[in-house]
Protein backbone atom coordinates (compact mmCIF):
# COMPACT_ATOMS: atom_id res chain seq x y z
CA MET A 1 -10.30 249.12 28.24
CA LEU A 2 -10.10 245.48 27.02
CA GLU A 3 -11.57 244.38 23.70
CA ASP A 4 -11.98 240.91 22.21
CA GLY A 5 -9.64 240.07 19.37
CA LYS A 6 -7.24 242.86 20.28
CA ILE A 7 -4.23 243.42 22.52
CA PHE A 8 -4.49 246.47 24.76
CA ILE A 9 -1.21 248.40 24.43
CA GLY A 10 -1.99 251.55 26.38
CA ALA A 11 -3.82 254.85 26.16
CA SER A 12 -2.96 257.74 23.88
CA ARG A 13 -3.11 261.28 25.15
CA ASN A 14 -3.85 264.68 23.74
CA PRO A 15 -1.38 267.57 23.49
CA ASP A 16 -2.75 268.87 26.82
CA ASP A 17 -1.86 265.47 28.39
CA SER A 18 -5.48 264.41 28.85
CA ILE A 19 -6.30 260.80 27.94
CA ASN A 20 -7.53 260.37 24.38
CA LYS A 21 -8.40 256.71 23.76
CA GLY A 22 -7.16 253.14 24.13
CA GLU A 23 -4.57 251.86 21.64
CA TYR A 24 -4.73 248.27 20.46
CA LEU A 25 -2.98 245.75 18.26
CA ASP A 26 -5.53 243.79 16.24
CA LEU A 27 -4.75 240.07 16.48
CA LYS A 28 -5.67 239.42 12.86
CA PHE A 29 -2.82 241.73 11.89
CA GLY A 30 -0.42 240.29 14.45
CA ASN A 31 1.36 238.29 11.75
CA ARG A 32 2.14 241.48 9.79
CA HIS A 33 5.29 241.85 11.92
CA GLY A 34 6.40 244.79 14.02
CA LEU A 35 9.19 246.99 15.33
CA VAL A 36 9.94 248.18 18.86
CA THR A 37 12.72 250.76 19.04
CA GLY A 38 14.10 253.26 21.51
CA ALA A 39 17.18 254.29 23.41
CA THR A 40 18.45 252.37 26.43
CA GLY A 41 16.24 252.82 29.49
CA THR A 42 13.15 254.04 27.66
CA GLY A 43 11.01 250.96 28.39
CA LYS A 44 11.47 248.62 25.40
CA THR A 45 11.70 245.47 27.56
CA VAL A 46 8.47 246.29 29.41
CA THR A 47 6.74 246.96 26.07
CA LEU A 48 7.99 243.59 24.80
CA GLN A 49 6.57 241.98 27.96
CA VAL A 50 3.20 243.71 27.49
CA LEU A 51 2.96 242.44 23.91
CA ALA A 52 4.05 238.92 24.88
CA GLU A 53 1.44 238.81 27.65
CA GLY A 54 -1.24 240.01 25.26
CA PHE A 55 -0.47 237.36 22.65
CA ALA A 56 -0.27 234.64 25.33
CA ARG A 57 -3.70 235.59 26.72
CA ALA A 58 -5.10 235.21 23.22
CA GLY A 59 -3.71 231.66 23.00
CA VAL A 60 -0.76 232.58 20.76
CA PRO A 61 2.60 230.92 21.59
CA VAL A 62 5.50 233.36 21.93
CA PHE A 63 9.26 232.97 21.57
CA ALA A 64 11.46 235.75 22.96
CA ALA A 65 15.11 236.22 23.87
CA ASP A 66 15.86 237.46 27.39
CA ILE A 67 18.96 239.60 26.99
CA LYS A 68 19.21 241.06 30.50
CA GLY A 69 17.27 238.43 32.46
CA ASP A 70 14.39 240.82 33.20
CA LEU A 71 11.90 239.09 30.92
CA SER A 72 11.98 235.96 33.10
CA GLY A 73 9.65 237.80 35.50
CA ILE A 74 6.77 237.14 33.10
CA SER A 75 6.64 233.63 34.61
CA ALA A 76 5.71 235.03 38.05
CA LYS A 77 2.65 236.90 39.24
CA GLY A 78 3.13 240.65 39.30
CA GLU A 79 3.36 242.57 42.53
CA PRO A 80 1.55 245.84 43.26
CA LYS A 81 4.06 248.67 43.03
CA ASP A 82 3.48 252.38 43.08
CA PHE A 83 4.64 253.08 39.53
CA LEU A 84 2.46 250.25 38.15
CA THR A 85 -0.75 251.19 39.91
CA LYS A 86 -0.11 254.86 39.17
CA ARG A 87 0.21 254.16 35.44
CA ALA A 88 -2.99 252.05 35.50
CA GLU A 89 -4.89 254.90 37.17
CA GLN A 90 -3.36 257.46 34.82
CA ILE A 91 -4.67 255.69 31.72
CA GLY A 92 -7.98 254.63 33.30
CA PHE A 93 -7.11 250.93 33.24
CA THR A 94 -9.71 249.75 35.77
CA ASP A 95 -9.43 246.08 34.69
CA TYR A 96 -5.77 245.86 35.70
CA GLU A 97 -4.93 242.56 37.43
CA PHE A 98 -1.74 240.67 38.25
CA GLU A 99 -1.16 237.16 36.94
CA GLN A 100 1.58 234.76 35.93
CA PHE A 101 2.01 233.24 32.50
CA PRO A 102 3.02 229.75 31.35
CA VAL A 103 6.73 229.88 30.49
CA ILE A 104 9.29 227.39 29.17
CA PHE A 105 12.87 228.44 29.81
CA TRP A 106 15.51 227.61 27.18
CA ASP A 107 19.27 228.00 27.19
CA LEU A 108 21.87 226.96 24.61
CA PHE A 109 24.24 226.18 27.48
CA GLY A 110 21.68 224.28 29.57
CA GLU A 111 22.28 226.43 32.65
CA LYS A 112 19.15 228.59 32.92
CA GLY A 113 16.78 226.53 30.83
CA HIS A 114 16.33 223.39 28.78
CA ARG A 115 19.03 222.72 26.22
CA VAL A 116 18.45 223.99 22.68
CA ARG A 117 20.27 222.16 19.90
CA THR A 118 20.26 221.68 16.19
CA THR A 119 22.46 219.61 13.89
CA VAL A 120 25.14 220.96 11.59
CA ALA A 121 23.13 219.60 8.63
CA GLU A 122 20.00 221.49 9.67
CA MET A 123 21.98 224.68 10.17
CA GLY A 124 23.06 224.47 6.53
CA PRO A 125 26.12 225.87 4.73
CA LEU A 126 25.00 229.50 4.44
CA LEU A 127 24.31 230.03 8.14
CA LEU A 128 27.35 227.99 9.17
CA ALA A 129 29.54 230.16 6.96
CA ARG A 130 27.94 233.24 8.53
CA LEU A 131 28.61 231.84 12.01
CA MET A 132 32.31 231.34 11.17
CA ASP A 133 32.61 234.66 9.32
CA ALA A 134 33.91 232.67 6.37
CA SER A 135 35.42 234.27 3.28
CA GLU A 136 34.01 233.52 -0.17
CA PRO A 137 36.54 230.70 -0.91
CA GLN A 138 35.92 229.20 2.53
CA GLU A 139 32.15 229.36 2.00
CA GLY A 140 32.68 227.46 -1.25
CA VAL A 141 34.54 224.70 0.60
CA ILE A 142 31.76 224.53 3.21
CA ASN A 143 29.18 224.08 0.44
CA ILE A 144 31.29 221.32 -1.09
CA ALA A 145 31.53 219.63 2.31
CA PHE A 146 27.73 219.51 2.58
CA LYS A 147 27.51 218.15 -0.97
CA ILE A 148 29.97 215.36 -0.19
CA ALA A 149 28.11 214.52 3.04
CA ASP A 150 24.81 214.33 1.12
CA LYS A 151 26.18 212.07 -1.59
CA ALA A 152 28.12 209.80 0.76
CA GLY A 153 25.33 209.47 3.33
CA LEU A 154 27.38 211.03 6.14
CA PRO A 155 25.13 212.56 8.84
CA LEU A 156 26.54 215.88 10.07
CA LEU A 157 25.23 216.21 13.60
CA ASP A 158 27.85 218.00 15.67
CA LEU A 159 31.13 219.86 15.23
CA LYS A 160 33.28 216.75 15.46
CA ASP A 161 31.40 215.31 12.48
CA PHE A 162 32.14 218.42 10.45
CA THR A 163 35.77 218.41 11.61
CA ALA A 164 36.19 214.76 10.56
CA LEU A 165 34.74 215.54 7.14
CA LEU A 166 37.10 218.49 6.71
CA ASN A 167 40.05 216.23 7.61
CA TYR A 168 38.94 213.77 4.96
CA MET A 169 38.59 216.55 2.41
CA GLY A 170 42.04 217.91 3.21
CA GLU A 171 43.69 214.51 2.80
CA ASN A 172 41.88 213.91 -0.50
CA ALA A 173 41.81 217.48 -1.80
CA SER A 174 43.30 216.69 -5.21
CA GLU A 175 40.92 213.86 -6.05
CA LEU A 176 37.81 215.59 -4.68
CA SER A 177 38.63 218.84 -6.46
CA SER A 178 38.26 217.07 -9.82
CA GLN A 179 34.68 216.13 -8.86
CA PHE A 180 33.37 219.09 -6.89
CA GLY A 181 35.60 222.05 -7.69
CA LEU A 182 38.72 223.48 -6.13
CA ILE A 183 39.26 222.46 -2.52
CA SER A 184 42.13 224.51 -1.19
CA LYS A 185 43.99 222.99 1.73
CA ALA A 186 44.56 226.53 2.98
CA SER A 187 40.79 227.16 3.06
CA VAL A 188 40.20 223.84 4.80
CA GLY A 189 42.79 224.79 7.40
CA SER A 190 41.19 228.21 7.94
CA ILE A 191 37.77 226.61 8.45
CA GLN A 192 39.24 224.16 10.95
CA ARG A 193 40.77 227.02 12.91
CA ALA A 194 37.42 228.85 12.86
CA LEU A 195 35.76 225.72 14.27
CA LEU A 196 38.24 225.72 17.16
CA VAL A 197 37.28 229.32 17.92
CA LEU A 198 33.58 228.39 17.85
CA GLU A 199 34.21 225.55 20.30
CA GLN A 200 36.00 227.91 22.66
CA GLN A 201 33.03 230.27 22.48
CA GLY A 202 30.62 227.46 23.43
CA ALA A 203 29.11 226.74 20.01
CA GLU A 204 29.62 223.01 20.52
CA HIS A 205 26.71 223.14 22.99
CA PHE A 206 24.41 224.21 20.17
CA PHE A 207 25.18 221.39 17.74
CA GLY A 208 23.99 217.86 18.45
CA GLU A 209 20.93 215.81 19.29
CA PRO A 210 18.15 215.74 20.32
CA ALA A 211 17.44 218.69 18.03
CA LEU A 212 14.74 221.18 18.98
CA LYS A 213 11.28 220.36 17.62
CA ILE A 214 9.40 223.39 16.42
CA SER A 215 6.21 221.98 17.94
CA ASP A 216 7.72 222.41 21.42
CA ILE A 217 7.80 226.19 21.07
CA MET A 218 4.24 226.29 19.72
CA ARG A 219 2.42 224.89 22.75
CA THR A 220 -0.64 226.14 24.59
CA SER A 221 -1.24 225.58 28.29
CA ASN A 222 -4.20 223.89 29.95
CA ASN A 223 -5.95 227.22 30.51
CA GLY A 224 -5.71 228.09 26.81
CA TYR A 225 -2.86 230.58 27.17
CA GLY A 226 -0.03 230.39 24.67
CA GLN A 227 3.23 229.13 26.14
CA ILE A 228 5.93 231.79 26.28
CA SER A 229 9.35 230.39 25.41
CA VAL A 230 12.04 232.55 27.04
CA LEU A 231 15.60 232.05 25.78
CA ALA A 232 18.27 232.93 28.35
CA ALA A 233 20.59 235.08 26.25
CA ASP A 234 22.73 236.92 28.81
CA LYS A 235 25.65 234.50 28.36
CA LEU A 236 24.83 233.93 24.70
CA MET A 237 25.34 237.64 24.07
CA MET A 238 29.04 237.13 24.76
CA ASN A 239 29.04 235.66 21.24
CA PRO A 240 26.69 237.95 19.29
CA ARG A 241 27.25 236.11 16.01
CA LEU A 242 26.09 232.82 17.54
CA TYR A 243 23.04 234.57 19.01
CA ALA A 244 22.02 236.10 15.68
CA THR A 245 22.71 232.90 13.74
CA PHE A 246 20.67 230.80 16.17
CA LEU A 247 17.61 233.04 15.95
CA LEU A 248 17.92 233.22 12.18
CA TRP A 249 18.14 229.42 12.04
CA LEU A 250 15.00 229.17 14.16
CA LEU A 251 13.20 231.57 11.84
CA SER A 252 14.21 229.50 8.81
CA GLU A 253 13.01 226.30 10.49
CA LEU A 254 9.63 227.89 11.13
CA PHE A 255 9.46 228.92 7.49
CA GLU A 256 10.26 225.40 6.29
CA GLU A 257 8.07 223.36 8.60
CA LEU A 258 4.87 225.36 8.98
CA PRO A 259 2.09 225.04 6.37
CA GLU A 260 0.57 227.96 4.51
CA VAL A 261 -2.43 229.41 6.38
CA GLY A 262 -2.93 232.78 4.71
CA ASP A 263 -4.17 235.43 7.14
CA PRO A 264 -5.56 233.67 10.23
CA ASP A 265 -7.70 235.34 12.92
CA LYS A 266 -4.62 235.34 15.13
CA PRO A 267 -0.98 234.32 14.63
CA LYS A 268 0.23 230.74 15.07
CA LEU A 269 3.39 232.03 16.74
CA VAL A 270 4.98 235.38 17.50
CA PHE A 271 8.75 235.69 17.45
CA PHE A 272 10.56 238.56 19.24
CA PHE A 273 14.09 239.25 17.97
CA ASP A 274 15.76 241.42 20.64
CA GLU A 275 19.00 243.28 19.83
CA ALA A 276 18.02 242.89 16.17
CA HIS A 277 20.97 244.93 14.92
CA LEU A 278 23.18 241.90 15.57
CA LEU A 279 21.44 240.09 12.74
CA PHE A 280 22.46 242.67 10.17
CA ASN A 281 25.87 243.83 11.41
CA ASP A 282 28.46 243.00 8.74
CA ALA A 283 26.00 240.60 7.12
CA PRO A 284 26.70 239.81 3.46
CA LYS A 285 24.18 241.12 0.96
CA VAL A 286 22.91 237.63 0.11
CA LEU A 287 22.07 236.98 3.77
CA THR A 288 20.19 240.27 4.14
CA GLU A 289 18.21 239.45 1.00
CA ARG A 290 17.30 236.04 2.39
CA VAL A 291 16.16 237.58 5.69
CA GLU A 292 13.97 240.01 3.79
CA GLN A 293 12.51 237.14 1.76
CA VAL A 294 11.76 235.03 4.83
CA VAL A 295 10.17 237.95 6.70
CA ARG A 296 7.99 238.69 3.71
CA LEU A 297 6.86 235.11 3.12
CA ILE A 298 6.58 233.76 6.67
CA ARG A 299 3.55 235.99 7.27
CA SER A 300 1.43 233.58 5.23
CA LYS A 301 2.52 230.80 7.61
CA GLY A 302 0.89 232.66 10.50
CA VAL A 303 4.15 233.76 12.14
CA GLY A 304 4.67 237.33 13.31
CA VAL A 305 8.24 238.61 13.67
CA TYR A 306 8.90 241.61 15.92
CA PHE A 307 12.32 243.25 15.84
CA VAL A 308 13.45 245.00 19.02
CA THR A 309 16.41 247.37 18.72
CA GLN A 310 17.65 250.78 19.78
CA ASN A 311 17.76 252.51 16.44
CA PRO A 312 15.43 252.11 13.44
CA LEU A 313 18.49 252.49 11.21
CA ASP A 314 19.69 249.12 12.55
CA VAL A 315 17.15 247.41 10.29
CA PRO A 316 17.64 247.56 6.50
CA GLU A 317 14.99 249.53 4.62
CA THR A 318 13.89 246.45 2.67
CA VAL A 319 13.10 244.66 5.94
CA LEU A 320 11.73 247.79 7.62
CA ALA A 321 9.12 248.06 4.88
CA GLN A 322 7.65 244.70 5.94
CA LEU A 323 6.99 245.77 9.55
CA GLY A 324 3.42 246.99 9.91
CA ASN A 325 3.07 247.52 13.68
CA ARG A 326 5.38 250.21 15.11
CA LEU A 327 6.14 251.23 18.69
CA GLN A 328 8.74 253.96 18.93
CA HIS A 329 10.17 254.90 22.34
CA ALA A 330 12.33 257.95 22.94
CA LEU A 331 15.45 258.58 20.87
CA ARG A 332 18.29 260.97 21.62
CA ALA A 333 19.55 263.29 18.92
CA TYR A 334 23.03 264.30 20.02
CA SER A 335 24.96 263.11 16.96
CA PRO A 336 24.27 263.41 13.21
CA ARG A 337 23.50 259.69 13.02
CA GLU A 338 21.01 259.96 15.90
CA GLN A 339 19.38 262.98 14.25
CA LYS A 340 19.03 260.96 11.06
CA ALA A 341 17.47 258.11 13.07
CA VAL A 342 14.90 260.49 14.57
CA LYS A 343 13.94 261.76 11.12
CA THR A 344 13.76 258.20 9.73
CA ALA A 345 11.51 257.08 12.59
CA ALA A 346 9.24 260.11 12.23
CA ASP A 347 8.91 259.66 8.48
CA THR A 348 7.75 256.05 8.81
CA PHE A 349 4.59 257.00 10.72
CA ARG A 350 1.27 258.12 9.34
CA PRO A 351 1.33 261.78 10.48
CA ASN A 352 -0.86 263.10 13.28
CA PRO A 353 -1.82 266.76 12.74
CA ALA A 354 -1.87 267.28 16.52
CA PHE A 355 1.91 267.10 16.93
CA ASP A 356 5.24 266.86 15.14
CA CYS A 357 6.65 263.31 15.36
CA ALA A 358 10.31 264.31 15.10
CA THR A 359 9.95 266.71 18.02
CA VAL A 360 7.93 264.34 20.21
CA ILE A 361 10.32 261.39 19.74
CA THR A 362 13.07 263.24 21.58
CA THR A 363 10.81 264.24 24.49
CA LEU A 364 8.98 260.96 25.24
CA GLY A 365 9.13 259.80 28.84
CA THR A 366 9.98 256.33 30.13
CA GLY A 367 7.19 253.91 29.29
CA GLU A 368 5.80 256.22 26.64
CA ALA A 369 5.89 255.56 22.90
CA LEU A 370 4.60 256.62 19.53
CA VAL A 371 2.28 253.83 18.43
CA SER A 372 0.88 252.99 15.02
CA THR A 373 -0.69 249.61 14.30
CA LEU A 374 -2.54 248.16 11.34
CA GLU A 375 -6.29 248.61 11.27
CA ALA A 376 -9.33 248.28 8.96
CA LYS A 377 -8.00 246.85 5.67
CA GLY A 378 -4.43 246.66 6.87
CA ALA A 379 -3.71 250.39 6.63
CA PRO A 380 -1.53 251.90 9.37
CA SER A 381 -3.34 253.94 11.99
CA ILE A 382 -2.54 257.58 12.64
CA VAL A 383 0.39 257.68 15.05
CA GLU A 384 -0.53 258.41 18.66
CA ARG A 385 1.54 259.44 21.66
CA THR A 386 0.80 256.54 24.00
CA LEU A 387 1.36 255.67 27.64
CA ILE A 388 2.13 251.93 27.65
CA ARG A 389 -0.03 249.88 30.01
CA PRO A 390 1.62 248.18 33.00
CA PRO A 391 2.33 244.45 32.62
CA SER A 392 0.50 241.81 34.66
CA GLY A 393 3.54 239.62 35.27
CA ARG A 394 6.44 240.56 37.48
CA VAL A 395 8.65 243.42 36.33
CA GLY A 396 12.18 242.16 36.90
CA PRO A 397 13.88 238.75 36.99
CA VAL A 398 12.86 235.65 38.92
CA SER A 399 15.26 234.04 41.36
CA ASP A 400 17.27 230.93 40.50
CA ALA A 401 15.06 228.86 42.82
CA GLU A 402 11.88 230.12 41.16
CA ARG A 403 13.34 229.42 37.73
CA GLN A 404 14.23 225.86 38.74
CA GLN A 405 10.72 225.23 40.09
CA ILE A 406 9.25 226.29 36.75
CA MET A 407 11.71 224.08 34.87
CA ASP A 408 10.80 221.12 37.09
CA ARG A 409 7.16 221.49 35.99
CA SER A 410 8.01 222.10 32.34
CA PRO A 411 6.15 220.12 29.65
CA VAL A 412 9.53 219.36 27.99
CA LEU A 413 11.26 218.20 31.17
CA GLY A 414 13.73 215.42 30.32
CA VAL A 415 13.27 215.73 26.56
CA TYR A 416 16.33 217.85 25.75
CA ASP A 417 18.40 217.71 28.91
CA GLU A 418 20.65 214.75 27.95
CA ASP A 419 22.94 214.51 24.91
CA VAL A 420 22.41 211.74 22.35
CA ASP A 421 25.48 210.76 20.31
CA ARG A 422 24.44 208.30 17.62
CA GLU A 423 26.59 207.07 14.75
CA SER A 424 27.34 209.90 12.37
CA ALA A 425 30.05 211.19 10.03
CA PHE A 426 32.82 211.05 12.64
CA GLU A 427 32.25 207.40 13.52
CA MET A 428 31.58 206.39 9.91
CA LEU A 429 34.69 208.04 8.49
CA THR A 430 36.84 206.68 11.30
CA ALA A 431 35.47 203.16 10.76
CA ARG A 432 36.04 203.38 7.00
CA ALA A 433 39.62 204.52 7.45
CA LYS A 434 40.30 201.69 9.91
CA LYS A 435 38.69 199.14 7.60
CA ALA A 436 40.76 200.42 4.68
CA ALA A 437 43.93 200.22 6.76
CA ASP A 438 43.15 196.65 7.87
CA SER A 439 42.39 195.63 4.29
CA ASP A 440 45.65 197.12 3.08
CA ALA A 441 47.62 195.36 5.81
CA ALA A 442 46.02 192.03 4.90
CA LYS A 443 46.79 192.57 1.20
CA ARG A 444 50.43 193.33 1.92
CA ALA A 445 50.68 190.25 4.11
CA GLN A 446 49.36 188.10 1.28
CA GLU A 447 51.96 189.63 -1.06
CA GLU A 448 54.60 188.68 1.52
CA VAL A 449 55.61 192.25 2.01
CA PRO A 450 57.71 192.51 5.20
CA ALA A 451 55.63 193.83 8.04
CA PRO A 452 56.55 197.29 9.33
CA GLN A 453 58.13 197.69 12.72
CA GLU A 454 55.79 197.32 15.68
CA GLY A 455 53.84 200.49 16.47
CA SER A 456 54.61 202.18 13.16
CA THR A 457 51.27 201.61 11.41
CA THR A 458 48.84 204.45 10.96
CA SER A 459 45.13 204.55 10.26
CA GLY A 460 45.40 207.70 8.13
CA TRP A 461 43.49 209.69 10.77
CA THR A 462 46.36 210.61 13.12
CA LEU A 463 47.44 214.19 13.73
CA PRO A 464 51.07 215.30 13.87
CA GLY A 465 52.25 215.12 17.43
CA PHE A 466 49.32 212.96 18.55
CA GLY A 467 50.62 209.51 17.69
CA GLY A 468 52.35 208.09 14.65
CA GLY A 469 54.73 211.02 14.12
CA ASP A 470 57.92 209.48 15.55
CA ASP A 471 57.17 206.07 14.09
CA ASP A 472 56.64 207.59 10.66
CA LYS A 473 60.11 209.10 10.82
CA ALA A 474 61.58 205.66 11.54
CA GLN A 475 60.24 204.26 8.26
CA PRO A 476 61.80 204.81 4.83
CA ARG A 477 60.12 207.81 3.24
CA GLY A 478 59.00 205.93 0.14
CA ARG A 479 57.34 203.13 2.13
CA SER A 480 55.53 205.58 4.43
CA GLY A 481 54.18 207.56 1.49
CA TYR A 482 53.07 204.41 -0.31
CA GLN A 483 51.15 203.18 2.73
CA ARG A 484 49.22 206.43 3.17
CA GLU A 485 48.28 206.54 -0.51
CA THR A 486 46.92 202.99 -0.37
CA VAL A 487 44.73 203.85 2.63
CA VAL A 488 43.34 206.87 0.82
CA GLU A 489 42.53 204.87 -2.29
CA ALA A 490 40.71 202.25 -0.23
CA ALA A 491 38.74 204.90 1.64
CA MET A 492 37.71 206.52 -1.64
CA LYS A 493 36.48 203.22 -2.98
CA SER A 494 34.42 202.71 0.17
CA VAL A 495 32.83 206.15 -0.21
CA ALA A 496 32.11 205.42 -3.85
CA ARG A 497 30.29 202.23 -2.94
CA THR A 498 28.18 204.13 -0.41
CA VAL A 499 27.30 206.73 -3.01
CA ALA A 500 26.28 204.01 -5.47
CA THR A 501 23.85 202.47 -2.98
CA GLN A 502 22.13 205.80 -2.46
CA VAL A 503 21.46 206.89 -6.04
CA GLY A 504 18.16 208.77 -6.16
CA ARG A 505 18.42 210.11 -2.60
CA ALA A 506 16.89 213.62 -2.70
CA LEU A 507 17.75 216.28 -0.18
CA VAL A 508 15.78 219.52 -0.33
CA ARG A 509 17.33 222.55 1.26
CA GLY A 510 15.25 225.37 2.61
CA ILE A 511 15.45 229.02 1.83
CA LEU A 512 18.40 229.60 4.16
CA GLY A 513 20.28 226.48 3.14
CA SER A 514 19.18 224.30 6.06
CA LEU A 515 18.39 220.64 5.65
CA LYS A 516 14.67 220.00 5.33
CA ARG A 517 13.66 217.28 7.73
């Protein structure tokens, strides 16, 4: 049943249930993207595992999210079970063998895999605004913040860097607005509150260094198999917006960093986006357009993107049109929307005169799917009712001990497990404010201005109720206001000098607004 240069998906059958022929995904069309859909419990996860195993055997690295934890079993050798051996016999799969695959476990929280991070600068203003569900005015302020950071040479690495920059912008809103456009203190405050919510949801684990290197998810093992990167997403799914934004960021990084390769004999990387509807739920039109553009153009970089979701209507038509390889599991048609989904799915296939797609979709069994892949000159094959082959890896999750053993042998062991906190915007802005305050104090001393009462000075970076509040009240209002204004003026001059030393510094942003390394 196996053929070189192709991934064996399963065997199609005739209307009388006899076996027809083997169904394959041609590797040279693996970068033409794909779609795996079906209702809960119809076998989508096993199909994803079968495809991932097939690409890995061919030496293609794979990145996939593990929503329920079941996909982790791909790292362990499969075990003979009745339903697996029965399916192999049913489709005439005489070459069926069990094996384990090389896996790297990843986890944004560092609990079930190696830490995955990126910097705020690499995330970019568009995705950061999406992550915070920012309004249009707030998105404008976020864009201005990135512009100021670029011009002033302020590295934005983690959330505290971005918070410090927002504080600076709020204190200098009037002066900065004349240079960059309106900076509303209300919008700044709303963004700061949104950042607090993100921190409570665990987003601070995602921002920082060392940032993930794309090369580490594009590895091959010693036996020539492609490494399968499995992202633990069970906890991440508690914050669906963070999950979708992270995977979209990763897709944009791949687009930016990989060179053009045209149509290779096999993909350079295959990316599985499980629960794909989360990417498009409540997404602004501009973001959907950018996703469509990336999906369309990343093919020439040798990357295949496979969306996995319950309903084909979850994916916008403009994106759906880019997905050449289709595997449709059973759908239920109890509601008008579900009936529309069945019709949409049926209409996307190249018809088979032997059966009616819309009727068959509602009667497919578990582990059975309508399959149509690209063949010949890239034309879709006639849809076939297909029994999906059994996977070679374990069906079901690995234990915590097994997971830890795999992590202890990981090729990226020790690379991402410890945080690195180098000097960035937070430290630089704090140091500048302190320097400006010290300079102002020295100037006033030279002018023989009476020194303020002990403990009443402020660096300009205190928060109400966290130091400086009671002392400020003890000073005359005019003196307190004069002191703060002088600190601000000195800080602005310091920023201006930094900008002057970096004239000509060019920062190129990628298609989704992320910072090009």
